[in-house]
């Protein structure tokens, strides 16, 4: 695989899609056939599938050589293999849910729960996958999969929020407001990002130079604008401000919530992008 900006798209889409499904499931309204849930699951399927296609192209060979793909998934010791398995099972489960809803049949709660668990694995896998590249100390941090998890949850919250708004369902069935996710998630995501950078900056030994160079590139170097403007301002501060303003100005809540969701999605992608492209190899 080529570790460049393209893989950031796969990591972003996989996490966003997995959590869009999770929020669609959590917002279930008894009958289980609401329009926002149906569209949300379609969005989840499409985004994860698109991410899988990007992953296959970036892997350079899986689409051209089926035997290479078979060898990959048969090697259960490979992080990539587990990722392919999790993504495949997630797409299969989501597709079954979509078909059942299209047929006006209630989706078994057990099936939704299983797909949600697989979705959690997909969102965690995006961080673990980077960690498998030992030459990049920025990625070999336990906190990175956690940061990707919170960021993906925040992106999924935004994606499902947009779906609910466009479907005329308001605030995703009230779930987000009840759990104060618009405030809790940016705080958790921001804290996790800060921990990743702090831990990377404190790495010692031969990996320390590369890790510290990676952090420097993010906070004050070539990628500082993307990080401070895209990740921090647009992705964390602006959505939080919009969420608070929407509570204080109900008349403008609709426009503010849409702005919040759009900013979150932009920031989530920006975070993955800087983590991928700013990483410096030990022997660079």
C-alpha atoms as a PDB file:
ATOM      1  CA  UNK A   1       0.000   0.000   0.000  1.00  0.00           C
ATOM      2  CA  UNK A   2       1.128   3.544  -0.745  1.00  0.00           C
ATOM      3  CA  UNK A   3       0.836   5.647   2.407  1.00  0.00           C
ATOM      4  CA  UNK A   4      -0.318   8.983   0.996  1.00  0.00           C
ATOM      5  CA  UNK A   5      -3.318  11.302   1.071  1.00  0.00           C
ATOM      6  CA  UNK A   6      -5.454   8.756  -0.776  1.00  0.00           C
ATOM      7  CA  UNK A   7      -5.466   6.353   2.156  1.00  0.00           C
ATOM      8  CA  UNK A   8      -6.810   9.186   4.323  1.00  0.00           C
ATOM      9  CA  UNK A   9      -9.996   9.034   2.231  1.00  0.00           C
ATOM     10  CA  UNK A  10     -10.414   5.335   3.020  1.00  0.00           C
ATOM     11  CA  UNK A  11      -9.823   5.879   6.741  1.00  0.00           C
ATOM     12  CA  UNK A  12     -12.270   8.788   6.785  1.00  0.00           C
ATOM     13  CA  UNK A  13     -15.059   7.089   4.814  1.00  0.00           C
ATOM     14  CA  UNK A  14     -14.805   3.817   6.742  1.00  0.00           C
ATOM     15  CA  UNK A  15     -15.130   5.522  10.123  1.00  0.00           C
ATOM     16  CA  UNK A  16     -17.873   7.909   9.025  1.00  0.00           C
ATOM     17  CA  UNK A  17     -19.952   5.140   7.439  1.00  0.00           C
ATOM     18  CA  UNK A  18     -19.606   2.776  10.383  1.00  0.00           C
ATOM     19  CA  UNK A  19     -20.787   5.396  12.858  1.00  0.00           C
ATOM     20  CA  UNK A  20     -23.573   6.622  10.597  1.00  0.00           C
ATOM     21  CA  UNK A  21     -25.014   3.114  10.815  1.00  0.00           C
ATOM     22  CA  UNK A  22     -24.549   3.069  14.584  1.00  0.00           C
ATOM     23  CA  UNK A  23     -26.422   6.344  15.035  1.00  0.00           C
ATOM     24  CA  UNK A  24     -29.143   5.198  12.638  1.00  0.00           C
ATOM     25  CA  UNK A  25     -29.595   2.121  14.830  1.00  0.00           C
ATOM     26  CA  UNK A  26     -29.557   4.047  18.105  1.00  0.00           C
ATOM     27  CA  UNK A  27     -32.234   6.408  16.791  1.00  0.00           C
ATOM     28  CA  UNK A  28     -34.654   3.564  16.125  1.00  0.00           C
ATOM     29  CA  UNK A  29     -38.225   4.684  16.743  1.00  0.00           C
ATOM     30  CA  UNK A  30     -40.170   1.587  17.597  1.00  0.00           C
ATOM     31  CA  UNK A  31     -41.408   0.658  14.151  1.00  0.00           C
ATOM     32  CA  UNK A  32     -37.880   0.659  12.773  1.00  0.00           C
ATOM     33  CA  UNK A  33     -39.005   1.894   9.340  1.00  0.00           C
ATOM     34  CA  UNK A  34     -38.378   5.635   9.594  1.00  0.00           C
ATOM     35  CA  UNK A  35     -37.040   7.458   6.564  1.00  0.00           C
ATOM     36  CA  UNK A  36     -33.979   8.860   8.335  1.00  0.00           C
ATOM     37  CA  UNK A  37     -32.853   5.399   9.452  1.00  0.00           C
ATOM     38  CA  UNK A  38     -33.315   3.990   5.968  1.00  0.00           C
ATOM     39  CA  UNK A  39     -31.357   6.792   4.268  1.00  0.00           C
ATOM     40  CA  UNK A  40     -28.759   6.730   7.036  1.00  0.00           C
ATOM     41  CA  UNK A  41     -28.061   3.053   6.424  1.00  0.00           C
ATOM     42  CA  UNK A  42     -27.762   3.683   2.684  1.00  0.00           C
ATOM     43  CA  UNK A  43     -25.245   6.457   3.382  1.00  0.00           C
ATOM     44  CA  UNK A  44     -23.350   4.078   5.694  1.00  0.00           C
ATOM     45  CA  UNK A  45     -23.211   1.370   3.019  1.00  0.00           C
ATOM     46  CA  UNK A  46     -22.153   3.724   0.219  1.00  0.00           C
ATOM     47  CA  UNK A  47     -19.408   5.483   2.185  1.00  0.00           C
ATOM     48  CA  UNK A  48     -17.827   2.299   3.540  1.00  0.00           C
ATOM     49  CA  UNK A  49     -18.066   0.633   0.121  1.00  0.00           C
ATOM     50  CA  UNK A  50     -16.421   3.645  -1.524  1.00  0.00           C
ATOM     51  CA  UNK A  51     -13.673   3.546   1.100  1.00  0.00           C
ATOM     52  CA  UNK A  52     -13.150  -0.156   0.357  1.00  0.00           C
ATOM     53  CA  UNK A  53     -12.773   0.572  -3.362  1.00  0.00           C
ATOM     54  CA  UNK A  54     -10.201   3.274  -2.602  1.00  0.00           C
ATOM     55  CA  UNK A  55      -8.354   0.812  -0.345  1.00  0.00           C
ATOM     56  CA  UNK A  56      -8.316  -1.807  -3.112  1.00  0.00           C
ATOM     57  CA  UNK A  57      -6.937   0.707  -5.625  1.00  0.00           C
ATOM     58  CA  UNK A  58      -4.337   2.008  -3.178  1.00  0.00           C
ATOM     59  CA  UNK A  59      -3.238  -1.543  -2.361  1.00  0.00           C
ATOM     60  CA  UNK A  60      -2.178  -1.799  -6.021  1.00  0.00           C
ATOM     61  CA  UNK A  61      -2.909  -5.330  -7.012  1.00  0.00           C
ATOM     62  CA  UNK A  62      -5.965  -6.621  -5.213  1.00  0.00           C
ATOM     63  CA  UNK A  63      -8.314  -5.627  -8.029  1.00  0.00           C
ATOM     64  CA  UNK A  64      -5.969  -6.860 -10.756  1.00  0.00           C
ATOM     65  CA  UNK A  65      -4.851 -10.055  -9.073  1.00  0.00           C
ATOM     66  CA  UNK A  66      -7.669 -11.962  -7.277  1.00  0.00           C
ATOM     67  CA  UNK A  67      -5.148 -14.532  -6.002  1.00  0.00           C
ATOM     68  CA  UNK A  68      -3.270 -11.772  -4.197  1.00  0.00           C
ATOM     69  CA  UNK A  69      -6.540 -10.713  -2.577  1.00  0.00           C
ATOM     70  CA  UNK A  70      -7.254 -14.298  -1.478  1.00  0.00           C
ATOM     71  CA  UNK A  71      -3.765 -14.606  -0.006  1.00  0.00           C
ATOM     72  CA  UNK A  72      -4.348 -11.379   1.877  1.00  0.00           C
ATOM     73  CA  UNK A  73      -7.577 -12.394   3.598  1.00  0.00           C
ATOM     74  CA  UNK A  74      -6.237 -15.876   4.351  1.00  0.00           C
ATOM     75  CA  UNK A  75      -3.406 -14.356   6.407  1.00  0.00           C
ATOM     76  CA  UNK A  76      -5.286 -13.746   9.659  1.00  0.00           C
ATOM     77  CA  UNK A  77      -2.161 -12.381  11.287  1.00  0.00           C
ATOM     78  CA  UNK A  78      -2.359  -9.342   9.014  1.00  0.00           C
ATOM     79  CA  UNK A  79      -4.125  -6.171  10.161  1.00  0.00           C
ATOM     80  CA  UNK A  80      -5.143  -5.583   6.561  1.00  0.00           C
ATOM     81  CA  UNK A  81      -6.818  -9.008   6.441  1.00  0.00           C
ATOM     82  CA  UNK A  82      -8.887  -8.262   9.537  1.00  0.00           C
ATOM     83  CA  UNK A  83      -9.835  -4.910   8.057  1.00  0.00           C
ATOM     84  CA  UNK A  84     -11.048  -6.521   4.835  1.00  0.00           C
ATOM     85  CA  UNK A  85     -13.047  -9.073   6.829  1.00  0.00           C
ATOM     86  CA  UNK A  86     -14.638  -6.449   9.095  1.00  0.00           C
ATOM     87  CA  UNK A  87     -15.510  -4.199   6.147  1.00  0.00           C
ATOM     88  CA  UNK A  88     -16.950  -7.113   4.134  1.00  0.00           C
ATOM     89  CA  UNK A  89     -19.114  -8.283   7.052  1.00  0.00           C
ATOM     90  CA  UNK A  90     -20.241  -4.717   7.736  1.00  0.00           C
ATOM     91  CA  UNK A  91     -21.277  -4.186   4.114  1.00  0.00           C
ATOM     92  CA  UNK A  92     -23.100  -7.512   4.034  1.00  0.00           C
ATOM     93  CA  UNK A  93     -24.995  -6.808   7.265  1.00  0.00           C
ATOM     94  CA  UNK A  94     -25.851  -3.259   6.240  1.00  0.00           C
ATOM     95  CA  UNK A  95     -27.085  -4.438   2.837  1.00  0.00           C
ATOM     96  CA  UNK A  96     -29.387  -6.985   4.489  1.00  0.00           C
ATOM     97  CA  UNK A  97     -30.800  -4.263   6.754  1.00  0.00           C
ATOM     98  CA  UNK A  98     -31.412  -1.961   3.784  1.00  0.00           C
ATOM     99  CA  UNK A  99     -33.165  -4.682   1.790  1.00  0.00           C
ATOM    100  CA  UNK A 100     -35.397  -5.589   4.730  1.00  0.00           C
ATOM    101  CA  UNK A 101     -36.351  -1.958   5.288  1.00  0.00           C
ATOM    102  CA  UNK A 102     -37.027  -1.502   1.556  1.00  0.00           C
ATOM    103  CA  UNK A 103     -39.397  -4.477   1.802  1.00  0.00           C
ATOM    104  CA  UNK A 104     -41.161  -2.786   4.750  1.00  0.00           C
ATOM    105  CA  UNK A 105     -39.987  -5.491   7.105  1.00  0.00           C
ATOM    106  CA  UNK A 106     -38.707  -4.757  10.599  1.00  0.00           C
ATOM    107  CA  UNK A 107     -34.981  -5.379  10.958  1.00  0.00           C
ATOM    108  CA  UNK A 108     -34.198  -7.759  13.840  1.00  0.00           C
ATOM    109  CA  UNK A 109     -32.603  -5.843  16.676  1.00  0.00           C
ATOM    110  CA  UNK A 110     -30.007  -8.593  17.084  1.00  0.00           C
ATOM    111  CA  UNK A 111     -28.844  -8.076  13.500  1.00  0.00           C
ATOM    112  CA  UNK A 112     -28.500  -4.334  14.024  1.00  0.00           C
ATOM    113  CA  UNK A 113     -26.492  -4.872  17.216  1.00  0.00           C
ATOM    114  CA  UNK A 114     -24.116  -7.298  15.480  1.00  0.00           C
ATOM    115  CA  UNK A 115     -23.550  -4.868  12.608  1.00  0.00           C
ATOM    116  CA  UNK A 116     -22.961  -2.055  15.122  1.00  0.00           C
ATOM    117  CA  UNK A 117     -20.265  -4.119  16.854  1.00  0.00           C
ATOM    118  CA  UNK A 118     -18.644  -4.831  13.500  1.00  0.00           C
ATOM    119  CA  UNK A 119     -18.888  -1.107  12.743  1.00  0.00           C
ATOM    120  CA  UNK A 120     -16.970  -0.345  15.941  1.00  0.00           C
ATOM    121  CA  UNK A 121     -14.281  -2.762  14.773  1.00  0.00           C
ATOM    122  CA  UNK A 122     -14.150  -1.010  11.393  1.00  0.00           C
ATOM    123  CA  UNK A 123     -13.670   2.407  12.983  1.00  0.00           C
ATOM    124  CA  UNK A 124     -10.949   1.111  15.328  1.00  0.00           C
ATOM    125  CA  UNK A 125      -9.253  -0.747  12.483  1.00  0.00           C
ATOM    126  CA  UNK A 126      -8.599   2.522  10.649  1.00  0.00           C
ATOM    127  CA  UNK A 127      -6.211   3.560  13.423  1.00  0.00           C
ATOM    128  CA  UNK A 128      -4.707   0.118  13.955  1.00  0.00           C
ATOM    129  CA  UNK A 129      -3.950  -0.168  10.229  1.00  0.00           C
ATOM    130  CA  UNK A 130      -1.633   2.820  10.370  1.00  0.00           C
ATOM    131  CA  UNK A 131       0.047   1.359  13.437  1.00  0.00           C
ATOM    132  CA  UNK A 132       1.088  -1.671  11.385  1.00  0.00           C
ATOM    133  CA  UNK A 133       3.588   0.540   9.525  1.00  0.00           C
ATOM    134  CA  UNK A 134       6.375   0.352  12.116  1.00  0.00           C
ATOM    135  CA  UNK A 135       8.596   2.856  10.313  1.00  0.00           C
ATOM    136  CA  UNK A 136       6.290   5.742  11.262  1.00  0.00           C
ATOM    137  CA  UNK A 137       6.371   6.367  15.043  1.00  0.00           C
ATOM    138  CA  UNK A 138       3.503   8.887  14.847  1.00  0.00           C
ATOM    139  CA  UNK A 139       1.227   5.986  13.977  1.00  0.00           C
ATOM    140  CA  UNK A 140       2.601   3.564  16.572  1.00  0.00           C
ATOM    141  CA  UNK A 141       0.754   5.185  19.448  1.00  0.00           C
ATOM    142  CA  UNK A 142      -1.996   3.382  21.359  1.00  0.00           C
ATOM    143  CA  UNK A 143      -3.970   6.618  21.578  1.00  0.00           C
ATOM    144  CA  UNK A 144      -4.271   6.935  17.788  1.00  0.00           C
ATOM    145  CA  UNK A 145      -7.005   4.283  17.286  1.00  0.00           C
ATOM    146  CA  UNK A 146      -8.902   5.888  20.193  1.00  0.00           C
ATOM    147  CA  UNK A 147      -8.590   9.327  18.593  1.00  0.00           C
ATOM    148  CA  UNK A 148      -9.783   7.896  15.278  1.00  0.00           C
ATOM    149  CA  UNK A 149     -12.689   6.244  17.106  1.00  0.00           C
ATOM    150  CA  UNK A 150     -13.878   9.500  18.692  1.00  0.00           C
ATOM    151  CA  UNK A 151     -13.330  11.419  15.461  1.00  0.00           C
ATOM    152  CA  UNK A 152     -15.281   8.805  13.502  1.00  0.00           C
ATOM    153  CA  UNK A 153     -18.097   8.920  16.049  1.00  0.00           C
ATOM    154  CA  UNK A 154     -18.219  12.700  15.692  1.00  0.00           C
ATOM    155  CA  UNK A 155     -18.294  12.410  11.890  1.00  0.00           C
ATOM    156  CA  UNK A 156     -21.026   9.762  12.074  1.00  0.00           C
ATOM    157  CA  UNK A 157     -23.029  11.998  14.406  1.00  0.00           C
ATOM    158  CA  UNK A 158     -22.764  14.760  11.804  1.00  0.00           C
ATOM    159  CA  UNK A 159     -23.586  12.551   8.825  1.00  0.00           C
ATOM    160  CA  UNK A 160     -26.647  11.093  10.499  1.00  0.00           C
ATOM    161  CA  UNK A 161     -27.640  14.554  11.739  1.00  0.00           C
ATOM    162  CA  UNK A 162     -27.633  15.806   8.150  1.00  0.00           C
ATOM    163  CA  UNK A 163     -29.662  12.803   7.032  1.00  0.00           C
ATOM    164  CA  UNK A 164     -32.206  13.370   9.815  1.00  0.00           C
ATOM    165  CA  UNK A 165     -32.519  17.060   8.940  1.00  0.00           C
ATOM    166  CA  UNK A 166     -32.969  16.401   5.233  1.00  0.00           C
ATOM    167  CA  UNK A 167     -35.469  13.647   5.995  1.00  0.00           C
ATOM    168  CA  UNK A 168     -37.486  16.058   8.125  1.00  0.00           C
ATOM    169  CA  UNK A 169     -36.822  14.134  11.332  1.00  0.00           C
ATOM    170  CA  UNK A 170     -35.251  17.054  13.187  1.00  0.00           C
ATOM    171  CA  UNK A 171     -32.435  16.273  15.608  1.00  0.00           C
ATOM    172  CA  UNK A 172     -31.969  12.599  14.803  1.00  0.00           C
ATOM    173  CA  UNK A 173     -34.899  11.556  16.922  1.00  0.00           C
ATOM    174  CA  UNK A 174     -33.701  13.641  19.861  1.00  0.00           C
ATOM    175  CA  UNK A 175     -30.897  11.192  20.661  1.00  0.00           C
ATOM    176  CA  UNK A 176     -28.093  13.701  20.145  1.00  0.00           C
ATOM    177  CA  UNK A 177     -29.714  16.257  22.412  1.00  0.00           C
ATOM    178  CA  UNK A 178     -30.458  13.760  25.170  1.00  0.00           C
ATOM    179  CA  UNK A 179     -26.838  12.608  25.281  1.00  0.00           C
ATOM    180  CA  UNK A 180     -25.383  16.085  24.641  1.00  0.00           C
ATOM    181  CA  UNK A 181     -23.254  14.591  21.891  1.00  0.00           C
ATOM    182  CA  UNK A 182     -22.729  17.935  20.208  1.00  0.00           C
ATOM    183  CA  UNK A 183     -20.704  18.978  23.242  1.00  0.00           C
ATOM    184  CA  UNK A 184     -19.291  15.683  24.507  1.00  0.00           C
ATOM    185  CA  UNK A 185     -17.892  14.409  21.205  1.00  0.00           C
ATOM    186  CA  UNK A 186     -15.790  17.464  20.236  1.00  0.00           C
ATOM    187  CA  UNK A 187     -14.366  17.561  23.766  1.00  0.00           C
ATOM    188  CA  UNK A 188     -13.467  13.865  23.647  1.00  0.00           C
ATOM    189  CA  UNK A 189     -12.100  14.083  20.107  1.00  0.00           C
ATOM    190  CA  UNK A 190     -10.064  17.182  20.915  1.00  0.00           C
ATOM    191  CA  UNK A 191      -8.638  15.605  24.048  1.00  0.00           C
ATOM    192  CA  UNK A 192      -7.709  12.432  22.165  1.00  0.00           C
ATOM    193  CA  UNK A 193      -5.976  14.431  19.415  1.00  0.00           C
ATOM    194  CA  UNK A 194      -4.008  16.383  22.029  1.00  0.00           C
ATOM    195  CA  UNK A 195      -2.939  13.128  23.696  1.00  0.00           C
ATOM    196  CA  UNK A 196      -1.747  11.690  20.373  1.00  0.00           C
ATOM    197  CA  UNK A 197       0.423  14.726  19.687  1.00  0.00           C
ATOM    198  CA  UNK A 198       1.713  14.909  23.270  1.00  0.00           C
ATOM    199  CA  UNK A 199       2.667  11.231  23.334  1.00  0.00           C
ATOM    200  CA  UNK A 200       4.325  11.463  19.911  1.00  0.00           C
ATOM    201  CA  UNK A 201       6.316  14.517  21.004  1.00  0.00           C
ATOM    202  CA  UNK A 202       7.615  12.613  24.046  1.00  0.00           C
ATOM    203  CA  UNK A 203       8.877   9.562  22.124  1.00  0.00           C
ATOM    204  CA  UNK A 204      12.525   8.833  22.896  1.00  0.00           C
ATOM    205  CA  UNK A 205      15.246   6.815  21.214  1.00  0.00           C
ATOM    206  CA  UNK A 206      15.783   6.346  17.493  1.00  0.00           C
ATOM    207  CA  UNK A 207      12.089   6.885  16.794  1.00  0.00           C
ATOM    208  CA  UNK A 208      12.016  10.145  18.753  1.00  0.00           C
ATOM    209  CA  UNK A 209      13.467  12.323  15.988  1.00  0.00           C
ATOM    210  CA  UNK A 210      10.915  11.136  13.433  1.00  0.00           C
ATOM    211  CA  UNK A 211       8.023  11.370  15.898  1.00  0.00           C
ATOM    212  CA  UNK A 212       8.943  14.881  16.986  1.00  0.00           C
ATOM    213  CA  UNK A 213       9.458  15.965  13.371  1.00  0.00           C
ATOM    214  CA  UNK A 214       5.967  14.663  12.595  1.00  0.00           C
ATOM    215  CA  UNK A 215       4.438  16.678  15.424  1.00  0.00           C
ATOM    216  CA  UNK A 216       6.403  19.777  14.421  1.00  0.00           C
ATOM    217  CA  UNK A 217       5.137  19.440  10.863  1.00  0.00           C
ATOM    218  CA  UNK A 218       1.573  19.314  12.141  1.00  0.00           C
ATOM    219  CA  UNK A 219       1.586  22.103  14.712  1.00  0.00           C
ATOM    220  CA  UNK A 220       4.055  24.576  13.179  1.00  0.00           C
ATOM    221  CA  UNK A 221       5.300  23.229   9.861  1.00  0.00           C
ATOM    222  CA  UNK A 222       3.956  22.481   6.402  1.00  0.00           C
ATOM    223  CA  UNK A 223       0.663  21.083   7.687  1.00  0.00           C
ATOM    224  CA  UNK A 224       0.007  23.630  10.425  1.00  0.00           C
ATOM    225  CA  UNK A 225      -2.663  25.492   8.412  1.00  0.00           C
ATOM    226  CA  UNK A 226      -4.583  22.288   7.746  1.00  0.00           C
ATOM    227  CA  UNK A 227      -4.312  21.273  11.386  1.00  0.00           C
ATOM    228  CA  UNK A 228      -5.126  24.562  13.132  1.00  0.00           C
ATOM    229  CA  UNK A 229      -7.688  25.791  10.617  1.00  0.00           C
ATOM    230  CA  UNK A 230      -9.133  22.522   9.325  1.00  0.00           C
ATOM    231  CA  UNK A 231      -8.951  20.259  12.379  1.00  0.00           C
ATOM    232  CA  UNK A 232      -9.125  22.642  15.333  1.00  0.00           C
ATOM    233  CA  UNK A 233     -11.084  25.692  14.150  1.00  0.00           C
ATOM    234  CA  UNK A 234     -13.392  24.183  11.523  1.00  0.00           C
ATOM    235  CA  UNK A 235     -13.590  20.662  12.941  1.00  0.00           C
ATOM    236  CA  UNK A 236     -13.848  21.319  16.688  1.00  0.00           C
ATOM    237  CA  UNK A 237     -14.326  24.963  17.702  1.00  0.00           C
ATOM    238  CA  UNK A 238     -16.834  26.024  15.022  1.00  0.00           C
ATOM    239  CA  UNK A 239     -19.168  23.002  15.465  1.00  0.00           C
ATOM    240  CA  UNK A 240     -19.135  23.433  19.241  1.00  0.00           C
ATOM    241  CA  UNK A 241     -19.951  27.144  18.858  1.00  0.00           C
ATOM    242  CA  UNK A 242     -22.766  26.357  16.405  1.00  0.00           C
ATOM    243  CA  UNK A 243     -24.206  23.746  18.757  1.00  0.00           C
ATOM    244  CA  UNK A 244     -24.260  26.171  21.696  1.00  0.00           C
ATOM    245  CA  UNK A 245     -25.641  28.998  19.545  1.00  0.00           C
ATOM    246  CA  UNK A 246     -28.430  26.747  18.245  1.00  0.00           C
ATOM    247  CA  UNK A 247     -29.596  26.140  21.803  1.00  0.00           C
ATOM    248  CA  UNK A 248     -29.673  29.873  22.541  1.00  0.00           C
ATOM    249  CA  UNK A 249     -31.290  30.902  19.248  1.00  0.00           C
ATOM    250  CA  UNK A 250     -33.978  28.325  18.351  1.00  0.00           C
ATOM    251  CA  UNK A 251     -35.094  30.415  15.405  1.00  0.00           C
ATOM    252  CA  UNK A 252     -31.767  29.916  13.670  1.00  0.00           C
ATOM    253  CA  UNK A 253     -31.227  26.369  14.890  1.00  0.00           C
ATOM    254  CA  UNK A 254     -31.790  24.741  11.491  1.00  0.00           C
ATOM    255  CA  UNK A 255     -29.046  26.659   9.677  1.00  0.00           C
ATOM    256  CA  UNK A 256     -26.692  26.455  12.658  1.00  0.00           C
ATOM    257  CA  UNK A 257     -27.069  22.683  12.959  1.00  0.00           C
ATOM    258  CA  UNK A 258     -26.371  22.172   9.254  1.00  0.00           C
ATOM    259  CA  UNK A 259     -23.280  24.381   9.562  1.00  0.00           C
ATOM    260  CA  UNK A 260     -22.227  22.350  12.601  1.00  0.00           C
ATOM    261  CA  UNK A 261     -22.540  19.056  10.742  1.00  0.00           C
ATOM    262  CA  UNK A 262     -20.703  20.251   7.635  1.00  0.00           C
ATOM    263  CA  UNK A 263     -17.821  21.628   9.709  1.00  0.00           C
ATOM    264  CA  UNK A 264     -17.524  18.348  11.617  1.00  0.00           C
ATOM    265  CA  UNK A 265     -17.211  16.315   8.424  1.00  0.00           C
ATOM    266  CA  UNK A 266     -14.544  18.665   7.039  1.00  0.00           C
ATOM    267  CA  UNK A 267     -12.598  18.560  10.287  1.00  0.00           C
ATOM    268  CA  UNK A 268     -12.751  14.755  10.538  1.00  0.00           C
ATOM    269  CA  UNK A 269     -11.234  14.377   7.094  1.00  0.00           C
ATOM    270  CA  UNK A 270      -8.606  17.045   7.806  1.00  0.00           C
ATOM    271  CA  UNK A 271      -7.512  15.144  10.941  1.00  0.00           C
ATOM    272  CA  UNK A 272      -6.923  11.915   9.069  1.00  0.00           C
ATOM    273  CA  UNK A 273      -5.200  13.756   6.254  1.00  0.00           C
ATOM    274  CA  UNK A 274      -2.615  15.458   8.460  1.00  0.00           C
ATOM    275  CA  UNK A 275      -1.955  12.281  10.435  1.00  0.00           C
ATOM    276  CA  UNK A 276      -1.263  10.379   7.208  1.00  0.00           C
ATOM    277  CA  UNK A 277       0.737  12.915   5.205  1.00  0.00           C
ATOM    278  CA  UNK A 278       2.680  14.517   8.074  1.00  0.00           C
ATOM    279  CA  UNK A 279       4.097  11.253   9.426  1.00  0.00           C
ATOM    280  CA  UNK A 280       7.895  11.096   9.107  1.00  0.00           C
ATOM    281  CA  UNK A 281       9.610   7.716   8.764  1.00  0.00           C
ATOM    282  CA  UNK A 282      12.394   6.783  11.176  1.00  0.00           C
ATOM    283  CA  UNK A 283      14.935   6.532   8.390  1.00  0.00           C
ATOM    284  CA  UNK A 284      13.628   9.463   6.309  1.00  0.00           C
END
